[in-house]
Amino acid sequence: MRELKCNNCGGTSILMKDNGRFVCEHCGVTYTKDQVDRMGAQIDVKVAVETGRPLEKQIQNGETWLKLGENKKAREVFEKTVDEYPMDYRGWYGLAKSYIYEGQAPEGNILRNFVLTAPEDVLTIIVETYSEIKRREEIRIAEARRIKEEEERKKREEEERRKREEEARKREEERRIMERQKALQEAREREYREAIEANKRRKKRKAARSFLLISTIIIAILAYTHSQRPELFDWLLPADRSAASFKSLEMVRVRKGSFVMGNTRNDSEGYSDEKPVHTVTLTYDYWIGKYEVTFKEYDAYCAATGKRKPDDEEWGRGTRPVINVSWWDAIGYCNWLSEREGLKKAYDSQGNLLDKNGKRTTDITKVEGYRLPTEAEWEYAARGGQNSSKYKYSGSNTVGDVAWHDSNSGNKTHPVGGKKPNELGIYDISGNVWEWCHDWFEYYSSAAQTNPTGSSNGAGRVNRGGSWYSYAQSCRVASRYYLTPVNGASNIGFRVSRTVF
C-alpha cells in the first residue's frame, strides 16, 4: 500500500480497516475505496510529471507514433502503459485514440467514454499533465528547429564560401586568359609592324645603292639598244605576246557543305576574334587556287597592263608567292584574269562585287569572274572541305609539315608547293604569306550563316593563313587578322577563287 495524504490533516498514515474503509490515524477521517483510488491516481500523475518517470516517456512515445501514423506501434506502447499504470487516464485515452485510428472505433469509443466520465479531479490532473507534456513537446520541437536552422545556416555559409571561391577562381582564370590574349595580340601586331619596318628599310637600302649608278647605266643602254633594234622592246607593250605566255592558274574544286567556323579546338593559342564559333553553310561549289599567286603570274599581269611590278625584297621572283601587293592590287589582278578568259569581271572600281550582268551584288553565287575568296571559303578550304580531318593547321597538326613560318623560313618566302598539301591538295594555305580575303574584318556572331561575304565596311580587309614571319599560332586554320586595303607588305600575298557555274 502506497502512502497517501489525508485531505483533512495532511497526514500520511491511512490504514484499511476490516469493514473495507480507510481511516486516517491522525484525525480519524474515513475514506471509501473509490476516494483512495482517486488519491492514488493523483499521486501517480504528479510524481510522473515531477520526476520524469518512465510513464512520461511512454506517453510521449505513444503520441509520437500516432503523429507518424504508426497506429499499431502507438497501441502497443499505450497497452504497456495501462498495464503498468492502470490509474493513469492518459494511457487509456491514448489507447482509445490508437484503436480509433486503427479502424476499431467501437473499442476506441468505449475507452474514450471511460476517460471522459472519470471523476473531475482525475480529469483535472490529466489536463494539467497534458499541458506539461505539450510544453515539453514545444520545447523539444523548438530545440529541433533551432538545430535544423543552425545546420541550414552552416550549409548556406558553406555554399556561399564555395560560390565565392568559385567566382574568385573564374575571375582569376578570365584574367589569365585576357593577359594571354593580350600578349598574343601584341605579338601579332608587333610581327606586322616589324615586317613593315623591315620592308621599308630594305627599300631604302636598295634605292640608295642603285638609284644613281644603275639607273643611269640602264637608261643609257636601253636608249642605245632601242635606237639600234627597237623590236626587242615589243614585250613592254600590252600586246598578245606577253599575255599568250601566261598559263591559266591551277585551281582546286571545293564541294559545297557546312562546317563550324572559328576556334573549334578552344585551345590557349586562340585569339578572342576567333570566337564565338558558329556554323557556316556554303550552298555552292567553288574553285580556289591550288597555289598562292606567284611573281611569274603577277608579273605577266603587270607586263600586260603597264602596272609597276612589286618589289621581291631580293629573294627572287619566279614561283615565289607575289608580295608587297595591296588588296586593290589583288582584285585588279582578278579582274584582268577574268577579262583574259572572257568572263565578266568580279569587282567595280569601288571594290563591290558584280554579277555576270555587271550589276552590284552581295550574292557570291552570282559572281562569274575571278575574285578573292571570302573568309568563309578560305577557312572551309583550309580545313579540307568535305574531306576535313580537323587538323590544327591546314593539312597537319605539325606546323613544319605544311607551313613556312618564323622557325623554318630563314626570314623569307619560298617557292610555292614546297610543303605538304592539305586534304584537298591545296598548298601553302598555312604559312609562306598571309593571304588577302574578300571580306571586311568584323567580329563573329554566334548565329548560323549561309554564303556570308562579310559586312559592307570595316577597319580593314581580312588576312588569313600566317606567313614566313609568323609564329606557329598565326598559321592555324582559325587564325585571322586584317590590314587596310591600300597597304601591302613583304609577308602578304593572295590566291584567287571563283564560283562554279
Protein backbone atom coordinates (compact mmCIF):
# COMPACT_ATOMS: atom_id res chain seq x y z
CA MET A 1 0.00 0.00 0.00
CA ARG A 2 1.50 3.33 -1.07
CA GLU A 3 1.45 6.31 1.33
CA LEU A 4 -1.50 8.63 0.88
CA LYS A 5 -2.05 12.11 2.25
CA CYS A 6 -5.16 12.81 4.24
CA ASN A 7 -7.19 15.59 2.69
CA ASN A 8 -8.21 16.77 6.23
CA CYS A 9 -4.93 16.87 8.23
CA GLY A 10 -2.30 16.12 5.60
CA GLY A 11 -1.15 13.05 7.46
CA THR A 12 0.21 10.04 5.60
CA SER A 13 -0.91 7.19 7.92
CA ILE A 14 -4.13 5.96 6.28
CA LEU A 15 -4.90 2.33 7.16
CA MET A 16 -7.52 -0.08 5.79
CA LYS A 17 -9.97 -1.44 8.40
CA ASP A 18 -11.85 -4.76 8.46
CA ASN A 19 -15.03 -3.17 7.17
CA GLY A 20 -13.27 -2.17 3.91
CA ARG A 21 -12.99 1.50 4.79
CA PHE A 22 -9.81 3.54 5.13
CA VAL A 23 -9.11 5.64 8.30
CA CYS A 24 -6.52 8.39 8.93
CA GLU A 25 -4.69 7.54 12.19
CA HIS A 26 -4.10 11.22 12.97
CA CYS A 27 -7.56 12.75 12.65
CA GLY A 28 -9.81 9.71 12.27
CA VAL A 29 -11.36 10.80 8.92
CA THR A 30 -12.58 7.82 6.86
CA TYR A 31 -12.38 7.32 3.06
CA THR A 32 -14.08 4.96 0.62
CA LYS A 33 -12.09 2.75 -1.76
CA ASP A 34 -13.03 4.97 -4.73
CA GLN A 35 -11.73 8.03 -2.89
CA VAL A 36 -8.46 6.27 -2.05
CA ASP A 37 -8.09 5.05 -5.67
CA ARG A 38 -8.53 8.62 -6.94
CA MET A 39 -5.97 9.87 -4.47
CA GLY A 40 -3.58 7.18 -5.76
CA ALA A 41 -4.10 8.21 -9.41
CA GLN A 42 -3.43 11.82 -8.46
CA ILE A 43 -0.15 10.83 -6.81
CA ASP A 44 0.89 8.68 -9.83
CA VAL A 45 0.33 11.53 -12.30
CA LYS A 46 2.05 14.22 -10.24
CA VAL A 47 5.08 12.05 -9.48
CA ALA A 48 5.43 11.16 -13.18
CA VAL A 49 5.41 14.85 -14.18
CA GLU A 50 7.75 15.98 -11.42
CA THR A 51 10.35 13.18 -11.58
CA GLY A 52 10.24 12.17 -15.26
CA ARG A 53 9.45 8.51 -14.53
CA PRO A 54 9.14 6.03 -17.47
CA LEU A 55 5.39 6.72 -17.55
CA GLU A 56 6.02 10.17 -19.01
CA LYS A 57 8.34 8.82 -21.70
CA GLN A 58 5.89 6.10 -22.67
CA ILE A 59 3.07 8.63 -23.06
CA GLN A 60 5.32 10.80 -25.28
CA ASN A 61 6.42 7.79 -27.36
CA GLY A 62 2.82 6.73 -27.92
CA GLU A 63 1.79 10.24 -29.00
CA THR A 64 4.80 10.41 -31.35
CA TRP A 65 3.83 7.14 -33.07
CA LEU A 66 0.30 8.47 -33.51
CA LYS A 67 1.61 11.63 -35.17
CA LEU A 68 3.74 9.50 -37.53
CA GLY A 69 0.74 7.34 -38.42
CA GLU A 70 2.25 4.25 -36.81
CA ASN A 71 -1.01 3.35 -35.03
CA LYS A 72 -0.07 -0.25 -34.23
CA LYS A 73 3.15 0.80 -32.52
CA ALA A 74 1.25 3.51 -30.63
CA ARG A 75 -1.31 0.93 -29.44
CA GLU A 76 1.47 -1.37 -28.18
CA VAL A 77 3.02 1.49 -26.19
CA PHE A 78 -0.30 2.54 -24.64
CA GLU A 79 -1.22 -1.09 -23.78
CA LYS A 80 2.03 -1.37 -21.87
CA THR A 81 1.28 1.97 -20.18
CA VAL A 82 -2.16 0.96 -18.90
CA ASP A 83 -0.77 -2.37 -17.69
CA GLU A 84 1.89 -0.62 -15.63
CA TYR A 85 -0.16 2.45 -14.63
CA PRO A 86 -3.82 1.46 -14.67
CA MET A 87 -4.90 4.57 -12.76
CA ASP A 88 -3.30 6.96 -15.27
CA TYR A 89 -6.10 8.00 -17.61
CA ARG A 90 -3.70 9.34 -20.23
CA GLY A 91 -2.71 5.79 -21.10
CA TRP A 92 -6.35 4.81 -21.55
CA TYR A 93 -7.04 7.92 -23.63
CA GLY A 94 -4.04 7.25 -25.88
CA LEU A 95 -5.09 3.63 -26.25
CA ALA A 96 -8.58 4.79 -27.22
CA LYS A 97 -7.16 7.04 -29.93
CA SER A 98 -4.91 4.29 -31.29
CA TYR A 99 -7.90 1.92 -31.55
CA ILE A 100 -9.91 4.56 -33.39
CA TYR A 101 -7.02 5.39 -35.77
CA GLU A 102 -6.58 1.66 -36.49
CA GLY A 103 -10.22 1.41 -37.51
CA GLN A 104 -11.51 -0.22 -34.30
CA ALA A 105 -13.98 2.54 -33.47
CA PRO A 106 -16.23 0.61 -31.02
CA GLU A 107 -13.35 -0.36 -28.75
CA GLY A 108 -11.87 3.09 -29.01
CA ASN A 109 -15.13 4.85 -28.20
CA ILE A 110 -15.69 2.68 -25.10
CA LEU A 111 -12.28 3.60 -23.75
CA ARG A 112 -12.73 7.25 -24.65
CA ASN A 113 -16.08 7.42 -22.85
CA PHE A 114 -14.47 5.80 -19.84
CA VAL A 115 -11.90 8.56 -19.70
CA LEU A 116 -14.44 11.32 -20.29
CA THR A 117 -16.66 10.03 -17.44
CA ALA A 118 -13.80 9.78 -14.95
CA PRO A 119 -14.04 11.86 -11.73
CA GLU A 120 -13.46 15.57 -12.21
CA ASP A 121 -10.33 15.79 -10.06
CA VAL A 122 -8.65 12.99 -12.06
CA LEU A 123 -9.56 14.72 -15.34
CA THR A 124 -8.11 17.93 -13.98
CA ILE A 125 -4.84 16.13 -13.35
CA ILE A 126 -4.95 14.63 -16.87
CA VAL A 127 -5.46 18.08 -18.41
CA GLU A 128 -2.67 19.57 -16.32
CA THR A 129 -0.40 16.69 -17.21
CA TYR A 130 -1.14 17.05 -20.94
CA SER A 131 -0.37 20.76 -20.68
CA GLU A 132 3.01 19.86 -19.23
CA ILE A 133 3.58 17.28 -21.95
CA LYS A 134 2.65 19.86 -24.59
CA ARG A 135 5.01 22.39 -23.08
CA ARG A 136 7.86 19.89 -23.11
CA GLU A 137 6.98 18.88 -26.67
CA GLU A 138 7.06 22.52 -27.74
CA ILE A 139 10.47 22.86 -26.11
CA ARG A 140 11.67 19.73 -27.92
CA ILE A 141 10.28 20.96 -31.25
CA ALA A 142 11.83 24.39 -30.73
CA GLU A 143 15.19 22.78 -29.99
CA ALA A 144 14.91 20.56 -33.05
CA ARG A 145 14.00 23.62 -35.13
CA ARG A 146 16.98 25.50 -33.72
CA ILE A 147 19.32 22.63 -34.55
CA LYS A 148 17.88 22.39 -38.08
CA GLU A 149 18.19 26.15 -38.63
CA GLU A 150 21.77 26.04 -37.39
CA GLU A 151 22.56 23.22 -39.80
CA GLU A 152 20.90 25.11 -42.66
CA ARG A 153 22.81 28.27 -41.74
CA LYS A 154 26.10 26.37 -41.78
CA LYS A 155 25.13 24.80 -45.10
CA ARG A 156 24.30 28.21 -46.60
CA GLU A 157 27.57 29.65 -45.33
CA GLU A 158 29.47 26.71 -46.83
CA GLU A 159 27.67 27.12 -50.17
CA GLU A 160 28.35 30.86 -50.16
CA ARG A 161 32.00 30.19 -49.34
CA ARG A 162 32.30 27.70 -52.20
CA LYS A 163 30.50 30.12 -54.52
CA ARG A 164 32.88 32.94 -53.58
CA GLU A 165 35.86 30.66 -54.13
CA GLU A 166 34.49 29.53 -57.50
CA GLU A 167 33.82 33.13 -58.58
CA ALA A 168 37.32 34.11 -57.49
CA ARG A 169 38.75 31.18 -59.43
CA LYS A 170 36.77 32.14 -62.55
CA ARG A 171 37.86 35.77 -62.27
CA GLU A 172 41.47 34.67 -61.95
CA GLU A 173 41.11 32.34 -64.93
CA GLU A 174 39.50 35.12 -67.00
CA ARG A 175 42.29 37.47 -66.00
CA ARG A 176 44.92 34.96 -67.10
CA ILE A 177 43.11 34.34 -70.38
CA MET A 178 42.82 38.09 -71.04
CA GLU A 179 46.51 38.57 -70.28
CA ARG A 180 47.41 35.69 -72.60
CA GLN A 181 45.15 37.04 -75.33
CA LYS A 182 46.64 40.49 -74.91
CA ALA A 183 50.16 39.10 -75.13
CA LEU A 184 49.31 37.12 -78.27
CA GLN A 185 47.60 40.14 -79.83
CA GLU A 186 50.58 42.35 -79.06
CA ALA A 187 52.91 39.74 -80.52
CA ARG A 188 50.86 39.61 -83.70
CA GLU A 189 50.73 43.38 -84.03
CA ARG A 190 54.47 43.55 -83.35
CA GLU A 191 55.00 40.99 -86.09
CA TYR A 192 53.20 43.20 -88.59
CA ARG A 193 54.97 46.36 -87.51
CA GLU A 194 58.37 44.71 -87.68
CA ALA A 195 57.63 43.24 -91.10
CA ILE A 196 56.54 46.62 -92.44
CA GLU A 197 59.54 48.37 -90.91
CA ALA A 198 61.89 45.74 -92.30
CA ASN A 199 60.28 46.20 -95.69
CA LYS A 200 60.81 49.96 -95.53
CA ARG A 201 64.45 49.58 -94.50
CA ARG A 202 65.19 47.17 -97.35
CA LYS A 203 63.57 49.50 -99.84
CA LYS A 204 65.63 52.43 -98.63
CA ARG A 205 68.87 50.45 -98.84
CA LYS A 206 68.06 49.22 -102.28
CA ALA A 207 67.16 52.68 -103.54
CA ALA A 208 70.32 54.17 -102.08
CA ARG A 209 72.55 51.52 -103.71
CA SER A 210 71.08 51.52 -107.15
CA PHE A 211 69.42 54.79 -107.98
CA LEU A 212 72.35 56.93 -109.09
CA LEU A 213 74.56 54.34 -110.74
CA ILE A 214 72.32 51.57 -112.06
CA SER A 215 69.53 53.81 -113.31
CA THR A 216 71.95 55.92 -115.32
CA ILE A 217 73.64 52.91 -116.88
CA ILE A 218 70.38 51.13 -117.68
CA ILE A 219 68.83 54.19 -119.25
CA ALA A 220 71.87 54.71 -121.42
CA ILE A 221 71.98 51.08 -122.51
CA LEU A 222 68.26 50.95 -123.22
CA ALA A 223 68.37 54.16 -125.21
CA TYR A 224 71.23 52.90 -127.37
CA THR A 225 69.67 49.44 -127.86
CA HIS A 226 66.30 50.87 -128.77
CA SER A 227 67.91 53.06 -131.40
CA GLN A 228 69.55 50.01 -132.97
CA ARG A 229 66.91 47.25 -132.51
CA PRO A 230 63.50 48.60 -131.44
CA GLU A 231 61.80 45.20 -131.97
CA LEU A 232 63.46 43.96 -128.79
CA PHE A 233 61.16 46.20 -126.76
CA ASP A 234 57.84 44.82 -128.02
CA TRP A 235 57.42 42.81 -124.79
CA LEU A 236 56.94 46.07 -122.91
CA LEU A 237 53.76 46.78 -124.84
CA PRO A 238 50.38 45.41 -123.66
CA ALA A 239 50.20 43.09 -126.65
CA ASP A 240 49.08 39.50 -127.05
CA ARG A 241 52.68 38.31 -126.92
CA SER A 242 53.01 38.79 -123.14
CA ALA A 243 49.52 37.54 -122.35
CA ALA A 244 49.98 34.47 -124.53
CA SER A 245 52.91 33.31 -122.41
CA PHE A 246 50.66 33.22 -119.35
CA LYS A 247 49.21 29.84 -118.41
CA SER A 248 45.89 29.53 -116.64
CA LEU A 249 46.13 29.09 -112.90
CA GLU A 250 45.78 25.64 -111.38
CA MET A 251 42.57 25.51 -109.39
CA VAL A 252 41.03 23.01 -106.94
CA ARG A 253 37.28 22.43 -106.82
CA VAL A 254 35.74 22.66 -103.34
CA ARG A 255 32.40 20.92 -102.91
CA LYS A 256 29.60 22.72 -101.08
CA GLY A 257 28.92 21.88 -97.42
CA SER A 258 28.63 23.09 -93.84
CA PHE A 259 31.32 23.49 -91.20
CA VAL A 260 31.94 25.09 -87.81
CA MET A 261 33.98 28.27 -88.22
CA GLY A 262 36.31 29.71 -85.57
CA ASN A 263 38.47 28.33 -82.77
CA THR A 264 36.79 24.92 -82.62
CA ARG A 265 39.71 23.42 -80.67
CA ASN A 266 39.23 26.04 -77.91
CA ASP A 267 42.98 26.00 -77.28
CA SER A 268 45.02 28.58 -75.41
CA GLU A 269 46.72 29.72 -78.65
CA GLY A 270 43.47 31.12 -79.98
CA TYR A 271 42.69 34.82 -80.21
CA SER A 272 39.49 36.48 -78.97
CA ASP A 273 38.43 37.39 -82.54
CA GLU A 274 38.14 33.65 -83.35
CA LYS A 275 35.03 33.31 -81.18
CA PRO A 276 32.21 32.58 -80.90
CA VAL A 277 32.35 29.51 -83.11
CA HIS A 278 29.40 29.33 -85.47
CA THR A 279 28.03 27.16 -88.24
CA VAL A 280 28.52 28.29 -91.85
CA THR A 281 26.84 26.69 -94.85
CA LEU A 282 28.09 27.16 -98.42
CA THR A 283 25.37 26.13 -100.87
CA TYR A 284 27.60 26.22 -103.97
CA ASP A 285 30.81 24.67 -105.28
CA TYR A 286 33.75 26.96 -105.96
CA TRP A 287 37.27 26.90 -107.33
CA ILE A 288 40.25 28.08 -105.29
CA GLY A 289 43.88 28.44 -106.30
CA LYS A 290 45.97 25.33 -105.75
CA TYR A 291 48.88 27.68 -105.05
CA GLU A 292 49.30 31.28 -103.98
CA VAL A 293 49.63 33.66 -106.95
CA THR A 294 53.32 33.75 -107.89
CA PHE A 295 55.58 36.55 -109.09
CA LYS A 296 55.66 34.93 -112.53
CA GLU A 297 51.87 35.07 -112.80
CA TYR A 298 51.57 38.57 -111.37
CA ASP A 299 54.46 39.92 -113.48
CA ALA A 300 52.57 38.81 -116.61
CA TYR A 301 49.65 40.97 -115.45
CA CYS A 302 51.98 43.92 -114.89
CA ALA A 303 53.55 43.47 -118.31
CA ALA A 304 50.15 43.30 -119.99
CA THR A 305 48.75 46.37 -118.24
CA GLY A 306 51.83 48.52 -117.75
CA LYS A 307 51.45 48.30 -113.99
CA ARG A 308 54.58 48.64 -111.86
CA LYS A 309 55.94 45.31 -110.64
CA PRO A 310 56.07 44.81 -106.86
CA ASP A 311 59.40 44.53 -105.04
CA ASP A 312 60.66 40.99 -104.36
CA GLU A 313 62.94 42.05 -101.44
CA GLU A 314 65.85 40.46 -103.37
CA TRP A 315 64.58 36.98 -102.51
CA GLY A 316 63.79 36.11 -106.12
CA ARG A 317 60.67 36.07 -108.25
CA GLY A 318 59.53 33.18 -110.43
CA THR A 319 57.45 30.70 -108.41
CA ARG A 320 57.75 32.51 -105.11
CA PRO A 321 54.42 33.99 -103.96
CA VAL A 322 53.96 37.60 -105.01
CA ILE A 323 54.37 40.04 -102.10
CA ASN A 324 54.09 43.77 -101.45
CA VAL A 325 50.65 43.89 -103.09
CA SER A 326 47.64 45.67 -101.62
CA TRP A 327 44.06 44.40 -101.59
CA TRP A 328 43.35 46.72 -104.53
CA ASP A 329 46.32 45.25 -106.44
CA ALA A 330 44.93 41.76 -105.82
CA ILE A 331 41.41 42.50 -107.13
CA GLY A 332 42.93 44.31 -110.12
CA TYR A 333 44.74 41.09 -110.98
CA CYS A 334 41.47 39.15 -110.56
CA ASN A 335 39.61 41.44 -112.98
CA TRP A 336 42.42 41.19 -115.55
CA LEU A 337 42.38 37.41 -115.26
CA SER A 338 38.60 37.35 -115.80
CA GLU A 339 38.81 39.53 -118.92
CA ARG A 340 41.62 37.35 -120.33
CA GLU A 341 39.35 34.31 -120.12
CA GLY A 342 36.24 36.05 -121.42
CA LEU A 343 34.48 36.25 -118.06
CA LYS A 344 32.64 39.16 -116.53
CA LYS A 345 34.90 40.90 -114.04
CA ALA A 346 34.04 40.43 -110.35
CA TYR A 347 34.75 43.92 -108.99
CA ASP A 348 33.84 47.50 -109.82
CA SER A 349 36.10 50.49 -109.17
CA GLN A 350 34.88 50.77 -105.55
CA GLY A 351 35.64 47.12 -104.76
CA ASN A 352 32.00 45.99 -104.83
CA LEU A 353 31.11 42.56 -106.21
CA LEU A 354 29.47 42.40 -109.65
CA ASP A 355 27.21 39.67 -111.03
CA LYS A 356 27.54 38.30 -114.55
CA ASN A 357 25.32 41.14 -115.80
CA GLY A 358 27.68 43.76 -114.40
CA LYS A 359 25.36 44.78 -111.54
CA ARG A 360 26.39 45.14 -107.92
CA THR A 361 25.52 42.17 -105.72
CA THR A 362 26.22 40.61 -102.34
CA ASP A 363 25.20 37.14 -103.59
CA ILE A 364 28.50 35.38 -104.16
CA THR A 365 26.79 32.64 -106.17
CA LYS A 366 26.03 35.16 -108.95
CA VAL A 367 29.63 36.39 -109.37
CA GLU A 368 31.14 34.82 -112.50
CA GLY A 369 34.67 36.18 -112.61
CA TYR A 370 37.84 35.56 -110.66
CA ARG A 371 37.89 37.11 -107.21
CA LEU A 372 39.43 36.81 -103.79
CA PRO A 373 37.97 34.01 -101.64
CA THR A 374 35.53 35.03 -98.96
CA GLU A 375 36.78 34.43 -95.43
CA ALA A 376 34.35 31.51 -95.06
CA GLU A 377 35.50 29.98 -98.38
CA TRP A 378 39.12 30.33 -97.30
CA GLU A 379 38.61 28.62 -93.91
CA TYR A 380 36.42 25.85 -95.36
CA ALA A 381 39.09 25.08 -97.98
CA ALA A 382 41.88 25.35 -95.39
CA ARG A 383 40.08 22.80 -93.18
CA GLY A 384 39.83 20.36 -96.11
CA GLY A 385 36.19 20.93 -97.03
CA GLN A 386 34.19 17.69 -97.01
CA ASN A 387 37.45 15.76 -96.55
CA SER A 388 38.39 17.60 -93.35
CA SER A 389 40.49 15.72 -90.78
CA LYS A 390 40.08 18.61 -88.31
CA TYR A 391 43.76 19.47 -88.27
CA LYS A 392 45.12 22.42 -86.33
CA TYR A 393 46.99 23.71 -89.39
CA SER A 394 45.91 23.19 -92.98
CA GLY A 395 46.74 19.53 -93.64
CA SER A 396 48.54 18.60 -90.41
CA ASN A 397 48.80 19.06 -86.67
CA THR A 398 52.55 19.67 -87.14
CA VAL A 399 53.13 23.16 -88.48
CA GLY A 400 56.52 22.39 -90.07
CA ASP A 401 54.96 19.76 -92.35
CA VAL A 402 52.71 22.22 -94.17
CA ALA A 403 53.91 25.78 -93.50
CA TRP A 404 56.88 28.11 -93.87
CA HIS A 405 56.90 30.21 -90.69
CA ASP A 406 59.29 32.04 -88.36
CA SER A 407 61.14 28.92 -87.19
CA ASN A 408 61.93 27.37 -90.59
CA SER A 409 61.64 30.07 -93.26
CA GLY A 410 65.04 31.75 -92.93
CA ASN A 411 63.17 35.08 -92.84
CA LYS A 412 61.97 34.99 -96.43
CA THR A 413 59.36 33.48 -98.72
CA HIS A 414 59.81 30.16 -100.51
CA PRO A 415 58.61 28.85 -103.88
CA VAL A 416 55.03 27.65 -103.71
CA GLY A 417 54.31 23.93 -103.32
CA GLY A 418 57.37 23.19 -101.20
CA LYS A 419 55.40 21.74 -98.28
CA LYS A 420 52.74 19.03 -97.99
CA PRO A 421 49.26 19.89 -99.34
CA ASN A 422 46.09 19.66 -97.28
CA GLU A 423 43.26 17.13 -97.73
CA LEU A 424 42.05 18.91 -100.93
CA GLY A 425 45.52 19.16 -102.48
CA ILE A 426 45.93 22.88 -101.70
CA TYR A 427 49.46 24.11 -100.89
CA ASP A 428 50.80 26.82 -98.57
CA ILE A 429 47.39 27.85 -97.25
CA SER A 430 49.15 27.84 -93.87
CA GLY A 431 52.31 29.94 -93.85
CA ASN A 432 54.58 31.42 -96.57
CA VAL A 433 52.47 34.61 -96.94
CA TRP A 434 49.29 35.96 -95.38
CA GLU A 435 46.50 35.89 -97.97
CA TRP A 436 44.02 38.65 -98.75
CA CYS A 437 40.34 37.67 -98.48
CA HIS A 438 37.34 39.50 -99.92
CA ASP A 439 35.67 40.39 -96.59
CA TRP A 440 35.95 43.44 -94.40
CA PHE A 441 37.08 42.37 -90.95
CA GLU A 442 34.35 42.09 -88.29
CA TYR A 443 33.92 40.15 -85.05
CA TYR A 444 32.00 36.91 -85.25
CA SER A 445 28.37 36.36 -84.28
CA SER A 446 27.14 33.08 -82.81
CA ALA A 447 24.32 32.96 -85.37
CA ALA A 448 24.49 30.42 -88.19
CA GLN A 449 25.29 31.89 -91.62
CA THR A 450 24.75 30.90 -95.23
CA ASN A 451 27.08 32.08 -98.04
CA PRO A 452 28.48 35.01 -96.00
CA THR A 453 30.51 37.75 -97.69
CA GLY A 454 31.18 39.99 -94.67
CA SER A 455 29.99 43.47 -93.79
CA SER A 456 29.90 46.49 -96.10
CA ASN A 457 32.77 48.26 -94.33
CA GLY A 458 35.29 47.85 -91.53
CA ALA A 459 38.74 48.63 -90.18
CA GLY A 460 40.48 46.58 -92.85
CA ARG A 461 40.25 43.63 -95.18
CA VAL A 462 40.79 40.15 -93.76
CA ASN A 463 44.17 38.37 -93.96
CA ARG A 464 44.40 34.62 -93.40
CA GLY A 465 47.00 31.85 -93.06
CA GLY A 466 50.08 33.37 -91.42
CA SER A 467 53.42 33.90 -93.14
CA TRP A 468 57.16 33.23 -93.21
CA TYR A 469 57.44 35.83 -90.43
CA SER A 470 54.62 34.45 -88.23
CA TYR A 471 54.59 32.43 -85.06
CA ALA A 472 53.02 28.99 -85.37
CA GLN A 473 49.73 30.05 -83.77
CA SER A 474 49.12 32.53 -86.60
CA CYS A 475 49.32 29.64 -89.10
CA ARG A 476 46.32 27.84 -87.59
CA VAL A 477 43.26 27.48 -89.83
CA ALA A 478 41.21 29.57 -87.35
CA SER A 479 43.69 32.47 -87.07
CA ARG A 480 42.67 35.76 -88.65
CA TYR A 481 43.87 39.35 -88.96
CA TYR A 482 43.30 42.39 -91.13
CA LEU A 483 45.12 45.25 -92.86
CA THR A 484 43.94 48.41 -94.55
CA PRO A 485 43.29 47.58 -98.22
CA VAL A 486 45.69 50.22 -99.58
CA ASN A 487 48.72 48.71 -97.86
CA GLY A 488 50.93 45.82 -98.82
CA ALA A 489 53.83 44.15 -97.02
CA SER A 490 56.62 41.66 -97.59
CA ASN A 491 54.61 38.95 -95.85
CA ILE A 492 51.26 39.43 -97.65
CA GLY A 493 50.11 37.87 -100.93
CA PHE A 494 46.90 36.22 -102.17
CA ARG A 495 45.29 33.35 -104.04
CA VAL A 496 42.23 33.55 -106.29
CA SER A 497 38.80 31.96 -106.17
CA ARG A 498 35.82 31.59 -108.48
CA THR A 499 32.22 30.36 -108.16
CA VAL A 500 31.38 27.22 -110.13
CA PHE A 501 28.56 27.85 -112.60
